[in-house]
Protein backbone atom coordinates (compact mmCIF):
# COMPACT_ATOMS: atom_id res chain seq x y z
CA MET A 1 68.02 -81.01 -50.68
CA SER A 2 71.57 -81.49 -51.97
CA SER A 3 72.97 -84.39 -54.04
CA ASP A 4 74.73 -85.72 -51.21
CA GLN A 5 72.12 -85.66 -48.90
CA LYS A 6 69.87 -87.15 -51.48
CA GLN A 7 72.07 -90.01 -51.85
CA LEU A 8 72.23 -90.61 -48.22
CA GLU A 9 68.55 -90.92 -47.98
CA GLN A 10 68.76 -93.76 -50.99
CA TYR A 11 71.16 -95.30 -48.74
CA VAL A 12 68.67 -95.20 -45.62
CA ASP A 13 65.75 -96.28 -47.77
CA PHE A 14 67.36 -99.27 -49.07
CA LEU A 15 68.71 -100.44 -45.53
CA LYS A 16 65.13 -100.22 -44.43
CA SER A 17 64.02 -101.71 -47.24
CA GLU A 18 66.39 -104.53 -46.41
CA ASP A 19 65.18 -104.57 -42.56
CA LEU A 20 68.73 -103.31 -41.73
CA SER A 21 67.99 -100.37 -39.73
CA PHE A 22 67.80 -102.05 -36.44
CA GLY A 23 65.34 -99.76 -35.28
CA ILE A 24 67.73 -96.83 -34.75
CA GLU A 25 67.26 -93.19 -35.48
CA ASP A 26 67.65 -91.89 -39.44
CA ARG A 27 69.89 -89.36 -37.94
CA SER A 28 72.18 -92.13 -36.63
CA LEU A 29 71.67 -94.32 -39.73
CA ARG A 30 72.68 -91.67 -42.19
CA TYR A 31 76.02 -90.55 -39.86
CA ILE A 32 77.12 -94.21 -39.91
CA VAL A 33 76.33 -94.76 -44.01
CA SER A 34 77.98 -91.36 -44.13
CA GLU A 35 81.28 -92.52 -42.37
CA THR A 36 81.46 -96.06 -44.27
CA LEU A 37 81.16 -93.94 -47.66
CA ALA A 38 84.26 -91.76 -46.31
CA SER A 39 86.31 -94.85 -45.96
CA LYS A 40 86.43 -94.86 -42.37
CA SER A 41 87.46 -98.27 -40.41
CA CYS A 42 85.11 -100.56 -38.81
CA ARG A 43 87.46 -100.44 -35.77
CA ALA A 44 87.31 -96.23 -35.71
CA LEU A 45 83.32 -96.18 -36.17
CA MET A 46 83.44 -98.88 -33.05
CA GLU A 47 85.35 -95.99 -31.12
CA ASP A 48 83.18 -92.80 -32.51
CA SER A 49 80.89 -91.42 -29.71
CA ASN A 50 78.23 -90.06 -32.31
CA ALA A 51 78.44 -93.73 -33.82
CA ASN A 52 77.84 -95.04 -30.37
CA GLN A 53 74.79 -93.21 -29.47
CA SER A 54 72.89 -95.97 -32.17
CA GLY A 55 73.56 -98.13 -29.49
CA LEU A 56 74.61 -100.94 -32.30
CA GLY A 57 76.15 -104.05 -31.43
CA SER A 58 79.31 -104.95 -33.44
CA SER A 59 77.11 -107.90 -35.54
CA HIS A 60 74.58 -105.11 -36.39
CA LEU A 61 77.49 -102.82 -37.66
CA LEU A 62 78.89 -105.24 -39.75
CA ARG A 63 75.64 -106.03 -41.55
CA ILE A 64 74.98 -102.29 -42.29
CA ARG A 65 78.36 -101.72 -43.61
CA ARG A 66 78.07 -104.97 -45.68
CA ALA A 67 74.60 -103.70 -47.10
CA VAL A 68 76.10 -100.27 -47.84
CA TYR A 69 78.94 -101.70 -49.94
CA ARG A 70 76.47 -103.73 -51.90
CA TYR A 71 74.26 -100.56 -52.79
CA GLU A 72 77.68 -98.80 -53.16
CA THR A 73 78.19 -100.94 -56.10
CA PHE A 74 75.14 -100.74 -57.70
CA TYR A 75 74.65 -96.95 -57.08
CA ASP A 76 77.69 -96.35 -58.96
CA SER A 77 77.13 -98.40 -61.81
CA SER A 78 73.34 -97.12 -62.03
CA ARG A 79 74.44 -93.22 -62.39
CA LYS A 80 76.04 -94.16 -65.75
CA ASN A 81 72.67 -95.51 -66.69
CA HIS A 82 71.20 -92.33 -64.92
CA SER A 83 68.98 -94.66 -63.00
CA LEU A 84 68.99 -96.25 -59.56
CA TRP A 85 69.60 -99.80 -58.72
CA SER A 86 66.20 -100.01 -57.42
CA ASP A 87 64.52 -99.17 -60.66
CA THR A 88 66.62 -101.84 -62.68
CA GLU A 89 63.68 -104.35 -63.16
CA LYS A 90 61.15 -101.21 -63.61
CA ILE A 91 63.49 -100.39 -66.80
CA MET A 92 63.74 -104.31 -67.99
CA ALA A 93 59.76 -104.11 -67.77
CA GLU A 94 59.54 -100.97 -69.90
CA ARG A 95 61.85 -102.41 -72.51
CA PHE A 96 59.80 -105.67 -72.81
CA ALA A 97 57.02 -103.97 -73.27
CA HIS A 98 57.46 -101.39 -75.80
CA ARG A 99 59.49 -104.10 -77.75
CA THR A 100 56.77 -106.89 -77.31
CA ALA A 101 53.69 -104.90 -77.54
CA GLN A 102 51.77 -105.43 -80.76
CA THR A 103 49.91 -102.02 -80.07
CA PRO A 104 50.63 -99.37 -77.84
CA LYS A 105 47.56 -99.73 -75.71
CA HIS A 106 49.00 -103.19 -74.42
CA ILE A 107 52.14 -101.48 -72.91
CA PRO A 108 50.86 -100.84 -69.63
CA ALA A 109 49.58 -104.19 -69.05
CA LEU A 110 52.88 -106.03 -70.54
CA GLN A 111 54.67 -103.95 -67.92
CA SER A 112 52.63 -105.02 -65.24
CA ALA A 113 52.44 -108.68 -66.08
CA PHE A 114 56.63 -108.72 -66.69
CA THR A 115 56.77 -107.05 -62.90
CA THR A 116 54.21 -109.46 -61.75
CA LEU A 117 55.62 -112.78 -63.05
CA SER A 118 59.38 -111.71 -62.20
CA ALA A 119 58.25 -111.33 -58.63
CA PHE A 120 56.54 -114.86 -58.36
CA ALA A 121 59.46 -116.88 -60.18
CA GLN A 122 61.82 -114.98 -57.84
CA LYS A 123 60.14 -116.50 -55.22
CA HIS A 124 58.28 -119.87 -56.39
CA GLY A 125 59.62 -120.71 -59.86
CA ARG A 126 62.12 -122.78 -60.48
CA ILE A 127 65.51 -122.76 -62.57
CA ARG A 128 66.68 -125.66 -64.99
CA ILE A 129 70.05 -126.26 -65.93
CA HIS A 130 70.83 -127.76 -69.57
CA LEU A 131 74.27 -128.78 -71.03
CA LYS A 132 75.22 -126.89 -74.12
CA GLN A 133 78.39 -128.69 -74.94
CA PRO A 134 78.32 -131.79 -73.20
CA GLU A 135 82.12 -132.86 -73.72
CA LYS A 136 83.28 -129.29 -72.55
CA ALA A 137 80.85 -130.00 -69.41
CA ARG A 138 82.39 -133.11 -68.76
CA HIS A 139 85.95 -131.69 -69.15
CA LEU A 140 84.90 -128.62 -66.72
CA GLN A 141 83.56 -131.47 -64.07
CA LEU A 142 79.98 -129.91 -64.68
CA ASP A 143 77.83 -132.56 -66.29
CA HIS A 144 76.61 -133.69 -62.71
CA LEU A 145 74.36 -130.26 -63.33
CA ALA A 146 72.54 -131.93 -66.68
CA ASP A 147 69.13 -131.37 -66.33
CA HIS A 148 69.33 -130.37 -62.62
CA THR A 149 65.94 -128.40 -61.48
CA GLU A 150 65.87 -126.63 -58.14
CA GLY A 151 63.53 -123.72 -56.81
CA CYS A 152 64.87 -120.27 -57.71
CA GLN A 153 64.82 -119.70 -53.95
CA ASP A 154 66.70 -122.39 -52.45
CA ILE A 155 69.57 -122.79 -55.11
CA PRO A 156 72.69 -122.53 -52.59
CA PRO A 157 75.59 -120.34 -53.92
CA HIS A 158 77.82 -122.99 -54.68
CA ARG A 159 75.59 -124.81 -57.17
CA TRP A 160 74.85 -121.32 -58.31
CA PHE A 161 78.27 -120.38 -59.03
CA ALA A 162 79.14 -123.82 -60.30
CA ALA A 163 76.26 -123.55 -62.96
CA ALA A 164 77.30 -119.58 -63.43
CA ARG A 165 80.91 -120.96 -64.52
CA GLY A 166 79.28 -123.49 -66.49
CA VAL A 167 77.78 -120.59 -68.82
CA SER A 168 80.47 -118.29 -68.88
CA ASP A 169 82.29 -120.85 -70.06
CA ASN A 170 79.72 -121.58 -72.82
CA ALA A 171 79.21 -125.32 -71.52
CA LEU A 172 75.61 -124.54 -69.85
CA TRP A 173 72.46 -122.65 -70.35
CA MET A 174 69.86 -122.12 -67.33
CA GLU A 175 66.18 -122.08 -67.88
CA VAL A 176 63.56 -120.17 -65.81
CA LEU A 177 60.42 -122.11 -65.28
CA CYS A 178 56.81 -120.88 -64.53
CA PRO A 179 53.72 -122.48 -64.24
CA GLN A 180 51.80 -121.77 -66.99
CA GLU A 181 48.82 -120.94 -65.02
CA GLU A 182 50.69 -118.34 -63.48
CA VAL A 183 51.56 -116.54 -66.78
CA LYS A 184 48.16 -116.54 -68.25
CA LYS A 185 47.33 -114.96 -64.72
CA ALA A 186 49.87 -112.40 -65.06
CA LEU A 187 49.11 -111.87 -68.58
CA GLY A 188 45.23 -111.53 -67.84
CA ARG A 189 43.28 -110.94 -71.12
CA LEU A 190 46.55 -110.41 -73.20
CA THR A 191 47.27 -114.34 -73.11
CA THR A 192 48.15 -115.40 -76.36
CA GLN A 193 51.17 -117.81 -77.47
CA ALA A 194 53.45 -114.96 -78.65
CA TYR A 195 53.02 -112.88 -75.16
CA THR A 196 53.27 -116.08 -73.24
CA GLU A 197 56.40 -117.43 -74.81
CA GLU A 198 57.87 -113.78 -74.55
CA LEU A 199 57.24 -113.05 -71.36
CA THR A 200 58.55 -116.41 -70.14
CA ARG A 201 61.44 -116.07 -72.39
CA SER A 202 62.33 -112.39 -70.93
CA ILE A 203 61.76 -112.85 -67.22
CA ALA A 204 65.01 -114.96 -66.96
CA LYS A 205 67.10 -112.17 -66.69
CA PRO A 206 65.76 -110.29 -63.91
CA VAL A 207 65.26 -113.84 -61.96
CA LEU A 208 68.96 -114.89 -62.35
CA ASP A 209 70.33 -111.71 -61.57
CA HIS A 210 68.36 -112.03 -58.53
CA ILE A 211 69.59 -115.21 -57.72
CA ALA A 212 73.18 -113.98 -58.86
CA LYS A 213 72.84 -111.10 -56.02
CA ARG A 214 71.75 -113.16 -53.54
CA SER A 215 74.52 -115.98 -53.82
CA GLU A 216 76.97 -113.34 -53.86
CA ARG A 217 75.87 -111.54 -50.86
CA GLN A 218 75.57 -115.06 -48.91
CA VAL A 219 79.07 -116.11 -50.16
CA ILE A 220 80.65 -112.78 -48.99
CA ARG A 221 78.77 -113.09 -45.54
CA THR A 222 80.38 -116.59 -45.19
CA ALA A 223 83.58 -115.47 -45.78
CA ALA A 224 83.54 -112.75 -43.36
CA GLU A 225 82.29 -115.10 -40.67
CA SER A 226 84.28 -117.57 -41.05
CA LEU A 227 87.11 -114.76 -41.00
CA TYR A 228 85.85 -113.19 -37.51
CA ALA A 229 85.39 -116.53 -35.87
CA LEU A 230 88.72 -117.56 -36.86
CA MET A 231 90.15 -114.06 -35.65
CA SER A 232 88.32 -114.12 -32.54
CA LYS A 233 89.83 -117.13 -31.24
CA ALA A 234 91.60 -116.73 -27.77
CA PRO A 235 95.32 -116.39 -28.04
CA ILE A 236 97.48 -119.28 -26.25
CA ASN A 237 99.51 -117.67 -23.71
CA SER A 238 102.40 -120.36 -23.70
CA PRO A 239 105.09 -121.24 -26.49
CA VAL A 240 103.75 -123.09 -29.26
CA ALA A 241 105.57 -125.56 -31.25
CA GLY A 242 105.24 -125.42 -35.31
CA LEU A 243 105.95 -128.65 -37.17
CA ALA A 244 106.67 -128.97 -41.03
CA THR A 245 107.23 -132.37 -42.43
CA ASP A 246 108.25 -133.52 -45.71
CA ALA A 247 109.44 -137.12 -47.08
CA LYS A 248 112.52 -136.83 -44.94
CA HIS A 249 112.37 -134.90 -42.45
CA ILE A 250 110.09 -133.07 -39.47
CA TYR A 251 111.27 -129.44 -39.12
CA VAL A 252 110.43 -128.12 -35.59
CA LYS A 253 110.34 -124.48 -34.46
CA ILE A 254 109.23 -123.08 -31.20
CA VAL A 255 107.30 -119.62 -30.78
CA GLY A 256 106.99 -117.84 -27.73
CA ASP A 257 108.35 -115.50 -25.14
CA ARG A 258 110.16 -117.90 -22.84
CA ILE A 259 112.22 -120.05 -25.84
CA ASP A 260 111.14 -118.34 -29.04
CA ASN A 261 112.97 -119.33 -31.83
CA GLU A 262 114.36 -122.56 -30.86
CA HIS A 263 114.51 -125.10 -33.67
CA VAL A 264 115.63 -128.56 -34.59
CA GLN A 265 115.50 -130.90 -37.15
CA PHE A 266 114.53 -135.05 -37.17
CA SER A 267 113.70 -137.78 -39.40
CA THR A 268 110.57 -137.85 -40.72
CA ASN A 269 109.66 -141.42 -38.54
CA ASP A 270 111.13 -140.29 -35.32
CA PHE A 271 107.96 -139.36 -33.75
CA GLN A 272 109.50 -140.09 -30.15
CA GLY A 273 112.41 -137.91 -30.86
CA VAL A 274 110.21 -135.09 -31.61
CA ARG A 275 107.53 -135.60 -28.71
CA ASP A 276 110.65 -136.26 -26.38
CA TRP A 277 112.49 -132.93 -27.46
CA LEU A 278 109.11 -130.80 -27.11
CA HIS A 279 108.18 -132.42 -23.59
CA ARG A 280 111.74 -131.28 -22.09
CA ARG A 281 110.53 -127.78 -23.07
CA ARG A 282 106.91 -127.95 -21.57
CA ILE A 283 105.64 -127.65 -24.96
CA GLU A 284 101.75 -128.56 -24.93
CA HIS A 285 100.42 -127.34 -28.09
CA ALA A 286 101.64 -127.63 -31.74
CA ALA A 287 100.55 -126.84 -35.14
CA VAL A 288 101.55 -129.57 -37.91
CA VAL A 289 102.13 -128.52 -41.62
CA ARG A 290 102.83 -130.66 -44.89
CA LEU A 291 105.53 -129.18 -47.19
CA THR A 292 104.68 -131.53 -50.12
CA ARG A 293 101.12 -132.87 -51.29
CA ASN A 294 101.81 -136.40 -51.09
CA VAL A 295 102.94 -136.36 -47.41
CA THR A 296 100.19 -136.82 -44.63
CA VAL A 297 100.61 -135.83 -41.36
CA ALA A 298 97.91 -137.91 -39.23
CA PRO A 299 100.23 -140.37 -38.22
CA LEU A 300 102.34 -137.72 -36.55
CA MET A 301 99.34 -135.62 -35.01
CA GLN A 302 97.86 -138.53 -33.54
CA PHE A 303 101.14 -139.95 -32.25
CA LEU A 304 101.85 -136.23 -30.11
CA ALA A 305 98.08 -136.12 -29.14
CA GLN A 306 98.06 -139.72 -27.91
CA HIS A 307 100.86 -138.34 -25.47
CA GLY A 308 98.98 -135.22 -24.50
CA MET A 309 99.87 -132.42 -26.53
CA VAL A 310 96.82 -130.47 -28.26
CA VAL A 311 97.62 -130.68 -32.02
CA GLU A 312 96.19 -128.88 -34.72
CA PRO A 313 96.83 -129.17 -38.50
CA ALA A 314 97.86 -125.68 -39.79
CA ARG A 315 95.46 -124.08 -42.50
CA GLU A 316 97.57 -124.19 -45.38
CA ALA A 317 95.97 -121.14 -47.79
CA GLY A 318 98.98 -118.44 -47.58
CA LEU A 319 101.49 -120.03 -45.40
CA MET A 320 104.02 -120.37 -47.66
CA LYS A 321 103.70 -116.73 -48.91
CA GLN A 322 104.55 -115.91 -45.78
CA ALA A 323 107.03 -118.28 -45.07
CA LYS A 324 108.97 -116.69 -47.73
CA GLN A 325 109.50 -113.40 -45.85
CA ILE A 326 110.95 -114.71 -43.11
CA PRO A 327 114.85 -114.97 -43.65
CA GLY A 328 116.51 -118.35 -43.33
CA SER A 329 115.27 -121.98 -44.16
CA ILE A 330 111.67 -121.81 -45.70
CA LYS A 331 110.96 -125.17 -44.12
CA PHE A 332 111.91 -123.46 -40.43
CA ALA A 333 110.15 -120.76 -41.69
CA ALA A 334 107.10 -122.89 -42.67
CA ALA A 335 106.79 -124.17 -39.08
CA GLU A 336 106.98 -120.92 -37.62
CA VAL A 337 104.26 -119.42 -39.59
CA ALA A 338 101.99 -122.55 -38.82
CA ALA A 339 102.96 -122.09 -34.87
CA ARG A 340 102.09 -118.26 -35.12
CA ARG A 341 98.91 -118.94 -36.67
CA PHE A 342 98.00 -121.46 -34.12
CA ARG A 343 99.26 -119.09 -31.20
CA ASP A 344 97.07 -116.17 -32.25
CA PRO A 345 95.36 -116.11 -35.35
CA LEU A 346 94.88 -112.40 -35.33
CA GLU A 347 98.42 -111.93 -35.39
CA GLY A 348 99.46 -115.08 -37.64
CA PHE A 349 96.96 -114.31 -40.49
CA ALA A 350 98.14 -110.73 -40.36
CA GLY A 351 99.32 -109.13 -44.34
CA LEU A 352 97.48 -111.81 -46.28
CA GLU A 353 94.75 -111.08 -49.14
CA SER A 354 91.51 -112.35 -49.30
CA ASP A 355 91.94 -115.05 -51.60
CA GLN A 356 95.13 -116.38 -49.79
CA LEU A 357 92.91 -117.11 -46.53
CA GLY A 358 91.44 -120.22 -47.71
CA LEU A 359 88.03 -118.87 -46.69
CA GLY A 360 85.70 -120.49 -49.06
CA GLU A 361 84.46 -121.43 -52.62
CA TYR A 362 84.03 -119.07 -55.51
CA LEU A 363 85.49 -115.92 -53.90
CA ASP A 364 87.15 -115.27 -57.25
CA ARG A 365 83.51 -114.85 -58.99
CA VAL A 366 82.34 -111.94 -56.18
CA ASP A 367 82.93 -108.26 -56.21
CA PRO A 368 86.39 -108.23 -54.84
CA LEU A 369 86.29 -104.56 -53.52
CA ARG A 370 83.16 -105.66 -51.31
CA LEU A 371 84.81 -109.15 -50.21
CA LYS A 372 87.96 -106.96 -49.40
CA LYS A 373 86.04 -104.39 -47.25
CA ALA A 374 83.83 -107.03 -45.70
CA LEU A 375 86.95 -108.94 -44.63
CA GLU A 376 88.70 -105.73 -43.29
CA ASP A 377 85.60 -105.10 -41.17
CA ALA A 378 85.75 -108.66 -39.85
CA ARG A 379 89.16 -108.45 -38.71
CA ASP A 380 88.60 -104.74 -37.36
CA ILE A 381 86.03 -105.83 -35.13
CA ALA A 382 88.19 -109.17 -33.80
CA ALA A 383 90.93 -106.61 -32.77
CA TRP A 384 88.73 -103.92 -31.55
CA GLU A 385 86.77 -106.65 -29.10
CA ARG A 386 89.97 -107.79 -28.33
CA ASP A 387 91.51 -104.44 -26.97
CA HIS A 388 88.44 -103.91 -25.18
CA GLY A 389 88.63 -106.81 -23.06
CA LYS A 390 85.67 -108.67 -24.69
CA LYS A 391 85.86 -112.37 -23.46
CA GLN A 392 86.84 -114.42 -26.85
CA SER A 393 86.14 -117.99 -28.33
CA PRO A 394 88.14 -121.00 -25.82
CA SER A 395 90.78 -122.05 -27.79
CA ALA A 396 89.78 -125.82 -27.46
CA ARG A 397 91.57 -126.34 -30.74
CA GLY A 398 93.30 -129.63 -32.12
CA ILE A 399 92.90 -133.54 -33.09
CA SER A 400 93.25 -136.42 -31.41
CA GLY A 401 92.21 -140.06 -32.23
CA ALA A 402 92.20 -143.60 -30.76
CA SER A 403 94.38 -145.21 -33.34
CA VAL A 404 97.12 -144.19 -35.74
CA LEU A 405 95.47 -143.74 -39.09
CA THR A 406 98.56 -142.92 -41.99
CA ASP A 407 95.85 -142.94 -44.95
CA ILE A 408 92.38 -142.38 -46.22
CA GLU A 409 92.48 -145.87 -47.12
CA ASP A 410 92.53 -146.45 -43.47
CA LEU A 411 89.18 -145.09 -42.76
CA ARG A 412 85.90 -146.92 -42.84
CA PRO A 413 82.28 -145.94 -42.72
CA GLY A 414 81.34 -145.97 -38.71
CA MET A 415 84.52 -144.61 -37.64
CA GLU A 416 84.89 -142.10 -35.10
CA MET A 417 87.76 -139.31 -35.09
CA THR A 418 88.36 -135.91 -33.90
CA GLY A 419 89.20 -133.27 -36.08
CA THR A 420 89.37 -129.12 -36.55
CA VAL A 421 86.84 -127.26 -38.60
CA SER A 422 88.82 -125.63 -41.43
CA ASN A 423 86.14 -123.88 -43.22
CA LEU A 424 82.53 -123.13 -43.22
CA THR A 425 80.03 -122.87 -46.66
CA HIS A 426 76.52 -122.64 -46.83
CA PHE A 427 76.17 -126.68 -47.41
CA GLY A 428 78.25 -127.60 -44.82
CA ALA A 429 81.47 -127.46 -42.83
CA PHE A 430 85.23 -129.09 -44.06
CA VAL A 431 87.06 -130.41 -41.18
CA GLU A 432 90.89 -131.11 -41.05
CA LEU A 433 91.56 -135.10 -40.06
CA GLY A 434 95.37 -134.75 -40.70
CA PHE A 435 95.10 -136.07 -44.49
CA ALA A 436 95.62 -134.84 -47.61
CA VAL A 437 92.11 -134.44 -48.22
CA GLN A 438 89.58 -132.59 -46.04
CA GLY A 439 86.23 -134.24 -45.13
CA LEU A 440 82.72 -132.68 -45.25
CA VAL A 441 79.81 -132.69 -42.84
CA HIS A 442 77.06 -132.22 -44.81
CA LEU A 443 74.53 -129.38 -43.52
CA SER A 444 71.90 -132.12 -42.79
CA GLU A 445 74.77 -134.21 -40.92
CA LEU A 446 75.78 -131.14 -38.95
CA SER A 447 72.89 -131.35 -36.36
CA ASP A 448 70.01 -133.49 -34.84
CA HIS A 449 67.89 -130.33 -35.83
CA PHE A 450 67.18 -128.14 -38.58
CA ILE A 451 69.59 -125.89 -38.95
CA LYS A 452 69.87 -123.20 -42.07
CA HIS A 453 73.54 -122.47 -41.96
CA PRO A 454 76.67 -124.59 -40.25
CA SER A 455 77.72 -121.12 -38.36
CA GLU A 456 74.90 -122.14 -35.80
CA VAL A 457 76.75 -125.31 -34.78
CA VAL A 458 80.21 -124.93 -35.57
CA GLN A 459 82.94 -122.28 -36.35
CA PRO A 460 86.27 -122.31 -38.10
CA GLY A 461 89.13 -123.66 -35.49
CA ASP A 462 86.43 -125.80 -33.71
CA ARG A 463 87.60 -129.12 -32.62
CA VAL A 464 84.66 -131.56 -33.30
CA ARG A 465 83.69 -135.44 -32.79
CA VAL A 466 83.03 -136.93 -36.37
CA LYS A 467 82.06 -140.03 -37.60
CA ILE A 468 82.80 -141.35 -41.03
CA VAL A 469 79.83 -141.66 -43.40
CA ALA A 470 81.58 -142.65 -46.60
CA VAL A 471 84.91 -143.13 -48.39
CA ASP A 472 85.56 -142.52 -52.26
CA GLN A 473 88.82 -143.95 -52.90
CA ALA A 474 88.77 -142.91 -56.51
CA THR A 475 87.80 -139.45 -55.72
CA GLN A 476 89.22 -138.82 -52.74
CA ARG A 477 86.29 -137.85 -50.69
CA ILE A 478 85.28 -137.86 -47.29
CA SER A 479 81.75 -138.06 -46.08
CA LEU A 480 81.24 -137.05 -42.30
CA SER A 481 78.49 -136.66 -39.82
CA MET A 482 78.20 -135.22 -36.43
CA ARG A 483 74.65 -136.38 -35.76
CA MET A 484 73.97 -138.55 -32.74
CA GLU A 485 72.74 -141.97 -33.22
CA ARG A 486 69.25 -142.05 -33.92
CA PRO A 487 66.85 -144.62 -31.78
CA ALA A 488 65.73 -147.80 -33.85
CA LYS A 489 62.21 -146.78 -34.51
CA ALA A 490 63.34 -143.22 -35.90
CA LYS A 491 65.75 -144.20 -38.44
CA LYS A 492 65.01 -143.46 -41.85
CA PRO A 493 64.63 -146.45 -44.49
CA LEU A 494 68.09 -148.17 -46.28
CA GLU A 495 66.76 -146.30 -49.57
CA LYS A 496 66.36 -142.78 -48.41
CA ARG A 497 69.62 -142.98 -46.77
CA LYS A 498 71.02 -144.55 -49.93
CA ALA A 499 69.78 -141.76 -52.04
CA ALA A 500 71.32 -139.06 -49.08
CA LEU A 501 74.80 -140.47 -49.37
CA GLN A 502 74.30 -140.37 -53.64
CA ALA A 503 72.99 -136.50 -52.98
CA LEU A 504 76.41 -135.97 -50.96
CA ASP A 505 78.30 -137.67 -53.73
CA LYS A 506 76.77 -135.49 -56.32
CA LEU A 507 77.28 -132.13 -54.23
CA PHE A 508 81.21 -133.38 -53.87
CA GLY A 509 81.41 -133.62 -57.50
CA LYS A 510 80.66 -129.76 -58.31
């Protein structure tokens, strides 16, 4: 067997071990892997007759390719050490045993103890975060993690990356905890204080590495799924208006076949003038973006919504970069970009790098090449599905409200509003309400039934009805809920509700 064939078999074995073969033949799996490694695009692979014989759907293909990118990273690095990624923990166990053994005959048992306890800790152990430099942690807004303890299997990516950032900044350190009886069980007859302490300390690295790899995988998957959901929104076939506002003016520009490129400028409070101008041109959809941070777009958006328009706050990430590529006034260019993004996200977000899409947190801490490939695949699939006539997500987007709210100070717990989901994370969904800050619907507040991920309920671009749970004026944080009113007998005690809100506040403080 040649080295290339051996490599392919290793990829196939890895996919099977990750339960990502989806029951297709090894021959088809090898072909998909080889074409992916040869940099064949996801769209080209979907149109490849050999790959189509496998019968894989687009979602399965995306998962396989993300796994191939992941294994490729570890395979390339492992060749430098003349070992496979799958053998990394075995090598750690060997090094631990040879370094620690008081006599050579203890080496096999110590290797086994290391492997056993590491596997246990990954599933059932706990991770505790300690302050190393309290002042530095406070400066980095990480002091809320002090003495935080959580299951190794349960720690969410956002908390892991926050803690990992603290470690890299020399402000925190992390400890892996295992019950003493499990340590003794792993060591067996070799249980001594020296071996116990050394084993407990040494398994921290493979356990933390395991959490880091899992968190990175989840962050990349979430970003790719968010982009796919955004790109899959059905385009609006009628002209769309883009509105860019600063402290003095509202800049309006229309994008569409009938009256493309018409534009006009109004004073910042002339909402009626904007509405009348758009109404005469039969414009029913508008996207609004603020040009300065101290401006709120909520009053304008809600005025237009109350007069029958579908209005959406424009995603600000990367918008000005695109606007600078359009000749003429940067303010009208910003309005044009906002309109193009609303009218057709697949076209409107074209040409932006991954860190300019606003798809999630901590993307700067994951492997940039794997992230780029995963996002390219997501965009490819969305384009392929559109070209092949797949029904796309309905364009039920926009924002509306019963009253005009001008600032976060106007919000009160219990108020209901309509907003647009702007982004998903593993701990919830961020919702644009038209204010300078977004609100967060925590995972526990997205549904009345248990869900593992926000994508089970909402997708970026969805219009949702939310209730204000809490507003923190000092930190400018808005906590939201999408849960239905519970019957009185099913309500939790006030103390539990208060604790949940405190936990949410702590989450916001990451």
